[in-house]
Amino acid sequence: MNAKKRCKLRRIERRKLEREQLAAENRLEQHIESIMTGCSGRVSKALNGTLTLRDRGSESSSQCLPEVGIFFAGHRKSVSVSAR
């Protein structure tokens, strides 16, 4: 095993420990929150109204750009717009 592989393995182990510590802290925070509020994690999330990724996608909407018809390919021929 060369130095590059050893360094990579040490870095992987460090990151693994960091992720485990972060997960443990998050579990502790959730446990404390559930004790303080008397609600489970799902109930507190529903009450706080935190958004999930699924919810965030519905908030963004499409908007029409001005003169979008000029760039619409297919059935319209535009003289003023070229690819060059």
N, C-alpha and C. Protein backbone atom coordinates (compact mmCIF):
# COMPACT_ATOMS: atom_id res chain seq x y z
N MET A 1 0.86 -1.18 0.00
CA MET A 1 0.00 0.00 0.00
C MET A 1 0.90 1.23 0.00
N ASN A 2 0.68 2.09 -0.96
CA ASN A 2 1.51 3.28 -1.04
C ASN A 2 0.93 4.41 -0.18
N ALA A 3 1.64 5.53 -0.17
CA ALA A 3 1.26 6.65 0.70
C ALA A 3 -0.08 7.25 0.28
N LYS A 4 -0.32 7.28 -1.02
CA LYS A 4 -1.57 7.86 -1.52
C LYS A 4 -2.78 7.07 -1.02
N LYS A 5 -2.69 5.77 -1.04
CA LYS A 5 -3.80 4.92 -0.58
C LYS A 5 -3.99 5.05 0.93
N ARG A 6 -2.86 5.11 1.67
CA ARG A 6 -2.98 5.27 3.12
C ARG A 6 -3.63 6.59 3.48
N CYS A 7 -3.24 7.65 2.78
CA CYS A 7 -3.83 8.97 3.03
C CYS A 7 -5.33 8.94 2.72
N LYS A 8 -5.68 8.30 1.63
CA LYS A 8 -7.09 8.22 1.26
C LYS A 8 -7.88 7.45 2.30
N LEU A 9 -7.33 6.35 2.81
CA LEU A 9 -8.03 5.57 3.83
C LEU A 9 -8.19 6.36 5.13
N ARG A 10 -7.14 7.11 5.51
CA ARG A 10 -7.25 7.94 6.72
C ARG A 10 -8.32 9.00 6.55
N ARG A 11 -8.38 9.62 5.38
CA ARG A 11 -9.39 10.64 5.11
C ARG A 11 -10.79 10.03 5.15
N ILE A 12 -10.94 8.85 4.58
CA ILE A 12 -12.24 8.18 4.60
C ILE A 12 -12.66 7.88 6.03
N GLU A 13 -11.73 7.42 6.85
CA GLU A 13 -12.04 7.12 8.25
C GLU A 13 -12.41 8.39 9.01
N ARG A 14 -11.68 9.50 8.75
CA ARG A 14 -12.00 10.76 9.41
C ARG A 14 -13.40 11.23 9.05
N ARG A 15 -13.73 11.16 7.76
CA ARG A 15 -15.07 11.58 7.32
C ARG A 15 -16.15 10.69 7.92
N LYS A 16 -15.86 9.40 8.04
CA LYS A 16 -16.82 8.47 8.62
C LYS A 16 -17.08 8.83 10.08
N LEU A 17 -16.03 9.13 10.83
CA LEU A 17 -16.20 9.53 12.23
C LEU A 17 -16.97 10.84 12.34
N GLU A 18 -16.69 11.80 11.44
CA GLU A 18 -17.42 13.06 11.47
C GLU A 18 -18.90 12.85 11.20
N ARG A 19 -19.22 12.01 10.23
CA ARG A 19 -20.63 11.72 9.93
C ARG A 19 -21.32 11.04 11.10
N GLU A 20 -20.62 10.11 11.75
CA GLU A 20 -21.21 9.42 12.90
C GLU A 20 -21.46 10.39 14.05
N GLN A 21 -20.51 11.30 14.30
CA GLN A 21 -20.69 12.28 15.37
C GLN A 21 -21.83 13.23 15.06
N LEU A 22 -21.94 13.66 13.81
CA LEU A 22 -23.02 14.54 13.41
C LEU A 22 -24.37 13.84 13.55
N ALA A 23 -24.43 12.58 13.16
CA ALA A 23 -25.68 11.82 13.30
C ALA A 23 -26.05 11.66 14.77
N ALA A 24 -25.05 11.41 15.62
CA ALA A 24 -25.32 11.27 17.05
C ALA A 24 -25.84 12.58 17.64
N GLU A 25 -25.26 13.69 17.23
CA GLU A 25 -25.72 14.99 17.71
C GLU A 25 -27.15 15.27 17.25
N ASN A 26 -27.45 14.93 16.00
CA ASN A 26 -28.80 15.14 15.49
C ASN A 26 -29.82 14.28 16.23
N ARG A 27 -29.44 13.04 16.52
CA ARG A 27 -30.35 12.16 17.29
C ARG A 27 -30.59 12.71 18.67
N LEU A 28 -29.53 13.24 19.30
CA LEU A 28 -29.67 13.82 20.64
C LEU A 28 -30.57 15.05 20.60
N GLU A 29 -30.39 15.90 19.59
CA GLU A 29 -31.24 17.08 19.47
C GLU A 29 -32.70 16.69 19.28
N GLN A 30 -32.94 15.70 18.43
CA GLN A 30 -34.31 15.25 18.20
C GLN A 30 -34.91 14.65 19.47
N HIS A 31 -34.10 13.92 20.21
CA HIS A 31 -34.59 13.31 21.46
C HIS A 31 -34.94 14.40 22.47
N ILE A 32 -34.07 15.39 22.60
CA ILE A 32 -34.33 16.49 23.54
C ILE A 32 -35.58 17.26 23.12
N GLU A 33 -35.71 17.50 21.82
CA GLU A 33 -36.89 18.22 21.32
C GLU A 33 -38.16 17.43 21.58
N SER A 34 -38.12 16.13 21.38
CA SER A 34 -39.32 15.33 21.62
C SER A 34 -39.68 15.29 23.10
N ILE A 35 -38.69 15.32 23.97
CA ILE A 35 -38.96 15.34 25.41
C ILE A 35 -39.55 16.69 25.82
N MET A 36 -38.97 17.78 25.30
CA MET A 36 -39.41 19.12 25.68
C MET A 36 -40.82 19.41 25.17
N THR A 37 -41.13 19.01 23.96
CA THR A 37 -42.44 19.32 23.39
C THR A 37 -43.48 18.26 23.69
N GLY A 38 -43.03 17.06 23.96
CA GLY A 38 -43.97 15.97 24.19
C GLY A 38 -44.52 15.39 22.90
N CYS A 39 -43.95 15.77 21.77
CA CYS A 39 -44.40 15.29 20.47
C CYS A 39 -43.28 14.48 19.81
N SER A 40 -43.69 13.61 18.92
CA SER A 40 -42.69 12.86 18.17
C SER A 40 -42.07 13.77 17.11
N GLY A 41 -41.05 13.28 16.45
CA GLY A 41 -40.38 14.06 15.42
C GLY A 41 -41.29 14.41 14.26
N ARG A 42 -42.12 13.47 13.86
CA ARG A 42 -43.02 13.71 12.74
C ARG A 42 -44.06 14.77 13.09
N VAL A 43 -44.56 14.71 14.31
CA VAL A 43 -45.57 15.68 14.72
C VAL A 43 -44.97 17.08 14.81
N SER A 44 -43.77 17.19 15.39
CA SER A 44 -43.15 18.51 15.51
C SER A 44 -42.79 19.07 14.13
N LYS A 45 -42.40 18.20 13.20
CA LYS A 45 -42.10 18.67 11.85
C LYS A 45 -43.37 19.18 11.17
N ALA A 46 -44.48 18.48 11.40
CA ALA A 46 -45.75 18.92 10.81
C ALA A 46 -46.22 20.23 11.42
N LEU A 47 -46.02 20.40 12.73
CA LEU A 47 -46.44 21.62 13.39
C LEU A 47 -45.58 22.82 13.00
N ASN A 48 -44.28 22.58 12.84
CA ASN A 48 -43.38 23.67 12.49
C ASN A 48 -43.53 24.07 11.03
N GLY A 49 -44.05 23.19 10.22
CA GLY A 49 -44.25 23.53 8.82
C GLY A 49 -42.98 23.56 8.02
N THR A 50 -41.99 22.76 8.40
CA THR A 50 -40.76 22.73 7.62
C THR A 50 -41.04 22.10 6.27
N LEU A 51 -40.37 22.62 5.27
CA LEU A 51 -40.61 22.17 3.91
C LEU A 51 -39.66 21.03 3.54
N THR A 52 -40.18 20.09 2.82
CA THR A 52 -39.34 19.03 2.30
C THR A 52 -38.94 19.40 0.89
N LEU A 53 -38.07 18.62 0.28
CA LEU A 53 -37.66 18.89 -1.09
C LEU A 53 -38.85 18.81 -2.03
N ARG A 54 -39.76 17.93 -1.75
CA ARG A 54 -40.95 17.78 -2.58
C ARG A 54 -41.79 19.05 -2.53
N ASP A 55 -41.90 19.66 -1.34
CA ASP A 55 -42.71 20.87 -1.19
C ASP A 55 -42.04 22.07 -1.85
N ARG A 56 -40.72 22.15 -1.78
CA ARG A 56 -40.03 23.30 -2.36
C ARG A 56 -40.21 23.35 -3.86
N GLY A 57 -40.27 22.19 -4.51
CA GLY A 57 -40.41 22.16 -5.96
C GLY A 57 -41.72 22.74 -6.42
N SER A 58 -42.77 22.63 -5.60
CA SER A 58 -44.07 23.13 -6.02
C SER A 58 -44.15 24.66 -5.91
N GLU A 59 -43.28 25.27 -5.11
CA GLU A 59 -43.32 26.71 -4.95
C GLU A 59 -42.74 27.43 -6.16
N SER A 60 -41.75 26.83 -6.80
CA SER A 60 -41.17 27.49 -7.96
C SER A 60 -42.08 27.30 -9.15
N SER A 61 -42.30 28.36 -9.87
CA SER A 61 -43.19 28.27 -11.02
C SER A 61 -42.46 28.76 -12.26
N SER A 62 -42.95 28.33 -13.40
CA SER A 62 -42.34 28.77 -14.65
C SER A 62 -42.82 30.17 -14.98
N GLN A 63 -41.97 30.88 -15.62
CA GLN A 63 -42.32 32.23 -16.04
C GLN A 63 -42.01 32.37 -17.52
N CYS A 64 -42.84 33.07 -18.22
CA CYS A 64 -42.59 33.32 -19.63
C CYS A 64 -41.56 34.42 -19.77
N LEU A 65 -40.59 34.19 -20.60
CA LEU A 65 -39.57 35.19 -20.85
C LEU A 65 -40.03 36.09 -21.98
N PRO A 66 -39.64 37.34 -21.98
CA PRO A 66 -40.04 38.22 -23.06
C PRO A 66 -39.42 37.75 -24.37
N GLU A 67 -40.18 37.82 -25.43
CA GLU A 67 -39.76 37.45 -26.77
C GLU A 67 -39.30 36.00 -26.85
N VAL A 68 -39.91 35.14 -26.09
CA VAL A 68 -39.52 33.73 -26.11
C VAL A 68 -39.90 33.09 -27.44
N GLY A 69 -40.88 33.67 -28.13
CA GLY A 69 -41.28 33.14 -29.42
C GLY A 69 -40.18 33.23 -30.46
N ILE A 70 -39.28 34.18 -30.32
CA ILE A 70 -38.18 34.32 -31.26
C ILE A 70 -37.29 33.08 -31.23
N PHE A 71 -37.09 32.54 -30.03
CA PHE A 71 -36.18 31.43 -29.86
C PHE A 71 -36.88 30.08 -29.96
N PHE A 72 -38.17 30.08 -30.13
CA PHE A 72 -38.93 28.85 -30.18
C PHE A 72 -38.69 28.18 -31.53
N ALA A 73 -38.03 27.04 -31.51
CA ALA A 73 -37.63 26.39 -32.77
C ALA A 73 -38.79 25.63 -33.38
N GLY A 74 -38.73 25.45 -34.68
CA GLY A 74 -39.71 24.60 -35.32
C GLY A 74 -40.49 25.30 -36.40
N HIS A 75 -41.58 25.89 -36.05
CA HIS A 75 -42.51 26.37 -37.06
C HIS A 75 -42.38 27.84 -37.40
N ARG A 76 -41.50 28.57 -36.72
CA ARG A 76 -41.34 30.00 -37.00
C ARG A 76 -39.97 30.25 -37.59
N LYS A 77 -39.91 31.06 -38.58
CA LYS A 77 -38.63 31.45 -39.16
C LYS A 77 -38.30 32.85 -38.67
N SER A 78 -37.15 33.00 -38.01
CA SER A 78 -36.76 34.32 -37.51
C SER A 78 -35.50 34.76 -38.22
N VAL A 79 -35.55 35.89 -38.82
CA VAL A 79 -34.42 36.41 -39.58
C VAL A 79 -33.45 37.12 -38.65
N SER A 80 -33.95 37.74 -37.61
CA SER A 80 -33.11 38.57 -36.75
C SER A 80 -32.24 37.77 -35.80
N VAL A 81 -32.51 36.49 -35.59
CA VAL A 81 -31.76 35.69 -34.64
C VAL A 81 -30.96 34.65 -35.41
N SER A 82 -29.68 34.58 -35.12
CA SER A 82 -28.86 33.56 -35.77
C SER A 82 -28.01 32.86 -34.71
N ALA A 83 -27.46 31.74 -35.06
CA ALA A 83 -26.66 30.98 -34.13
C ALA A 83 -25.23 31.49 -34.04
N ARG A 84 -24.87 32.43 -34.87
CA ARG A 84 -23.48 32.90 -34.88
C ARG A 84 -23.27 34.06 -33.99
